[in-house]
Protein backbone atom coordinates (compact mmCIF):
# COMPACT_ATOMS: atom_id res chain seq x y z
CA UNK A 1 50.06 149.69 25.96
CA UNK A 2 50.00 146.17 26.80
CA UNK A 3 53.94 145.83 26.52
CA UNK A 4 53.96 148.81 29.41
CA UNK A 5 51.47 146.94 31.98
CA UNK A 6 53.64 143.71 31.41
CA UNK A 7 56.83 145.48 32.10
CA UNK A 8 55.37 146.94 34.97
CA UNK A 9 53.99 143.61 36.40
CA UNK A 10 57.18 141.85 36.36
CA UNK A 11 59.11 145.01 38.12
CA UNK A 12 55.92 145.46 41.06
CA UNK A 13 56.98 141.58 41.06
CA UNK A 14 60.26 142.15 41.55
CA UNK A 15 59.69 144.52 44.16
CA UNK A 16 57.84 141.88 46.75
CA UNK A 17 59.74 142.62 49.24
CA UNK A 18 60.94 138.61 49.69
CA UNK A 19 63.98 137.63 50.07
CA UNK A 20 65.86 135.19 48.46
CA UNK A 21 64.03 131.70 47.75
CA UNK A 22 65.36 129.05 49.93
CA UNK A 23 68.29 126.90 47.80
CA UNK A 24 67.17 122.55 49.19
CA UNK A 25 70.20 120.79 50.15
CA UNK A 26 72.80 121.19 52.97
CA UNK A 27 75.73 123.85 53.39
CA UNK A 28 79.19 122.02 55.37
CA UNK A 29 80.86 123.72 57.82
CA UNK A 30 84.09 123.77 59.98
CA UNK A 31 84.25 120.22 62.08
CA UNK A 32 85.77 121.91 65.91
CA UNK A 33 86.86 118.36 67.87
CA UNK A 34 87.20 119.85 71.35
CA UNK A 35 88.16 117.85 74.39
CA UNK A 36 89.66 118.55 78.12
CA UNK A 37 92.64 118.25 79.99
CA UNK A 38 91.36 116.38 82.30
CA UNK A 39 89.24 113.09 82.10
CA UNK A 40 85.20 113.27 83.19
CA UNK A 41 81.76 112.85 82.99
CA UNK A 42 80.33 115.94 81.42
CA UNK A 43 77.59 117.53 83.93
CA UNK A 44 76.55 120.25 81.33
CA UNK A 45 76.99 121.17 78.16
CA UNK A 46 76.75 125.14 77.81
CA UNK A 47 76.50 126.26 74.19
CA UNK A 48 74.24 124.28 71.33
CA UNK A 49 74.26 123.41 67.87
CA UNK A 50 75.02 126.43 65.58
CA UNK A 51 76.12 128.83 67.99
CA UNK A 52 78.71 131.05 67.32
CA UNK A 53 80.96 131.43 70.16
CA UNK A 54 84.04 133.43 71.08
CA UNK A 55 87.27 133.21 72.91
CA UNK A 56 86.82 131.97 76.45
CA UNK A 57 83.10 130.95 76.51
CA UNK A 58 83.24 128.12 78.46
CA UNK A 59 81.67 124.98 76.54
CA UNK A 60 80.83 121.92 78.51
CA UNK A 61 81.75 121.27 82.34
CA UNK A 62 83.54 118.29 83.32
CA UNK A 63 81.97 117.03 87.15
CA UNK A 64 83.65 118.04 89.65
CA UNK A 65 82.72 115.24 92.53
CA UNK A 66 86.15 113.52 93.07
CA UNK A 67 88.05 116.28 92.79
CA UNK A 68 85.91 118.82 96.40
CA UNK A 69 86.34 115.33 98.43
CA UNK A 70 90.33 114.82 97.98
CA UNK A 71 91.28 118.87 98.35
CA UNK A 72 89.00 118.00 102.52
CA UNK A 73 90.65 114.20 102.63
CA UNK A 74 94.02 116.52 101.84
CA UNK A 75 92.76 119.49 104.55
CA UNK A 76 91.66 117.50 107.41
CA UNK A 77 95.54 115.32 106.78
CA UNK A 78 97.31 118.20 107.05
CA UNK A 79 95.22 119.67 110.63
CA UNK A 80 96.27 117.10 111.62
CA UNK A 81 99.39 116.49 110.85
CA UNK A 82 100.31 120.37 111.82
CA UNK A 83 99.06 118.79 115.93
CA UNK A 84 101.31 116.13 115.50
CA UNK A 85 103.94 118.17 114.97
CA UNK A 86 103.37 120.95 117.28
CA UNK A 87 102.87 117.99 120.41
CA UNK A 88 106.58 116.66 119.28
CA UNK A 89 107.83 119.57 118.94
CA UNK A 90 106.25 120.40 122.33
CA UNK A 91 107.73 116.80 124.14
CA UNK A 92 111.23 117.10 122.23
CA UNK A 93 111.30 120.28 124.65
CA UNK A 94 110.04 118.66 126.99
CA UNK A 95 112.95 115.99 126.58
CA UNK A 96 115.95 118.80 126.06
CA UNK A 97 115.22 120.77 129.65
CA UNK A 98 114.30 117.13 131.20
CA UNK A 99 118.45 116.49 129.67
CA UNK A 100 119.47 119.01 130.48
CA UNK A 101 117.71 118.83 134.20
CA UNK A 102 119.57 115.47 135.34
CA UNK A 103 122.94 117.02 133.49
CA UNK A 104 122.78 119.77 136.13
CA UNK A 105 121.47 118.39 139.57
CA UNK A 106 123.42 114.99 138.83
CA UNK A 107 126.55 117.13 137.41
CA UNK A 108 129.35 114.02 136.84
CA UNK A 109 126.30 111.35 138.22
CA UNK A 110 124.57 111.13 136.12
CA UNK A 111 124.32 107.34 134.47
CA UNK A 112 125.64 106.90 130.74
CA UNK A 113 122.42 104.95 130.26
CA UNK A 114 120.14 107.46 131.24
CA UNK A 115 121.87 110.75 128.35
CA UNK A 116 121.77 107.41 125.90
CA UNK A 117 118.26 107.21 126.01
CA UNK A 118 117.50 111.14 126.26
CA UNK A 119 119.26 111.44 123.48
CA UNK A 120 117.14 109.28 121.08
CA UNK A 121 114.27 110.00 122.71
CA UNK A 122 115.42 113.31 120.99
CA UNK A 123 116.96 111.75 118.17
CA UNK A 124 113.54 109.72 117.57
CA UNK A 125 110.92 113.08 118.87
CA UNK A 126 113.36 114.83 115.67
CA UNK A 127 112.61 111.91 113.30
CA UNK A 128 108.73 112.55 113.88
CA UNK A 129 108.93 116.60 113.33
CA UNK A 130 110.57 115.28 110.22
CA UNK A 131 107.73 112.57 109.12
CA UNK A 132 104.81 115.25 110.02
CA UNK A 133 106.21 117.90 108.08
CA UNK A 134 106.37 116.35 105.05
CA UNK A 135 102.58 115.06 105.07
CA UNK A 136 101.89 118.10 106.05
CA UNK A 137 103.64 118.80 102.58
CA UNK A 138 102.39 116.03 100.89
CA UNK A 139 98.78 117.16 102.02
CA UNK A 140 99.79 120.72 100.18
CA UNK A 141 100.04 119.56 97.72
CA UNK A 142 97.64 117.45 97.07
CA UNK A 143 94.86 120.99 98.21
CA UNK A 144 96.78 122.48 95.06
CA UNK A 145 96.66 119.81 93.18
CA UNK A 146 92.57 119.35 93.61
CA UNK A 147 91.82 123.20 93.75
CA UNK A 148 94.61 123.47 90.11
CA UNK A 149 91.80 119.97 88.57
CA UNK A 150 88.81 122.52 89.93
CA UNK A 151 90.19 124.81 87.98
CA UNK A 152 90.06 123.12 84.56
CA UNK A 153 86.43 121.62 84.72
CA UNK A 154 84.60 124.87 82.75
CA UNK A 155 86.11 123.94 79.27
CA UNK A 156 86.49 127.54 77.14
CA UNK A 157 86.62 127.80 73.78
CA UNK A 158 90.54 128.95 72.31
C-alpha cells in the first residue's frame, strides 16, 4: 500500500501544471548587421531588442533635416530660372520684331551696324535662354535627388 501511495504522489507531482524548469545560462542568436544606403544620424529606432521583424518592417529612421532644405532651395531656383527664361523669351520676341520692323521701314538704308547689333542681341538672348533652361534642368534633378533621399530615410528589413 505504501508503494501505491508513493507512486500516486509521484504522478500527482508530475501533473503540477508547471512548465519545464528554466536552465541557467544564455542562448545564442543570429546577428544581423544593418546599414543605411546613405549617411545620417539615427532619428528613431522602431524595433526593440529580441523583437521578430518581417520583411518591410521599418527598423530605424535617419534624420531628414538636410533633404527638405535642398529640395526647397532647388524649387526656388527652378521658379527663378523659369521666370528669367520667360523674360528673356519675351525680350527675344521684341528684338526680332524690332529687327523685322527696321528691315521693312528702312529696307536698304538700314545701317549694317544696327542690323548686326540686333542679331547679336538676339543671339545673346538665345544663349541666356539656354542657360536658364539648363539651370531649370539642374534644379529638377536636385529636387528629384532630394525626394529620392527622403524616401530612403526609413530603413526597412529585407
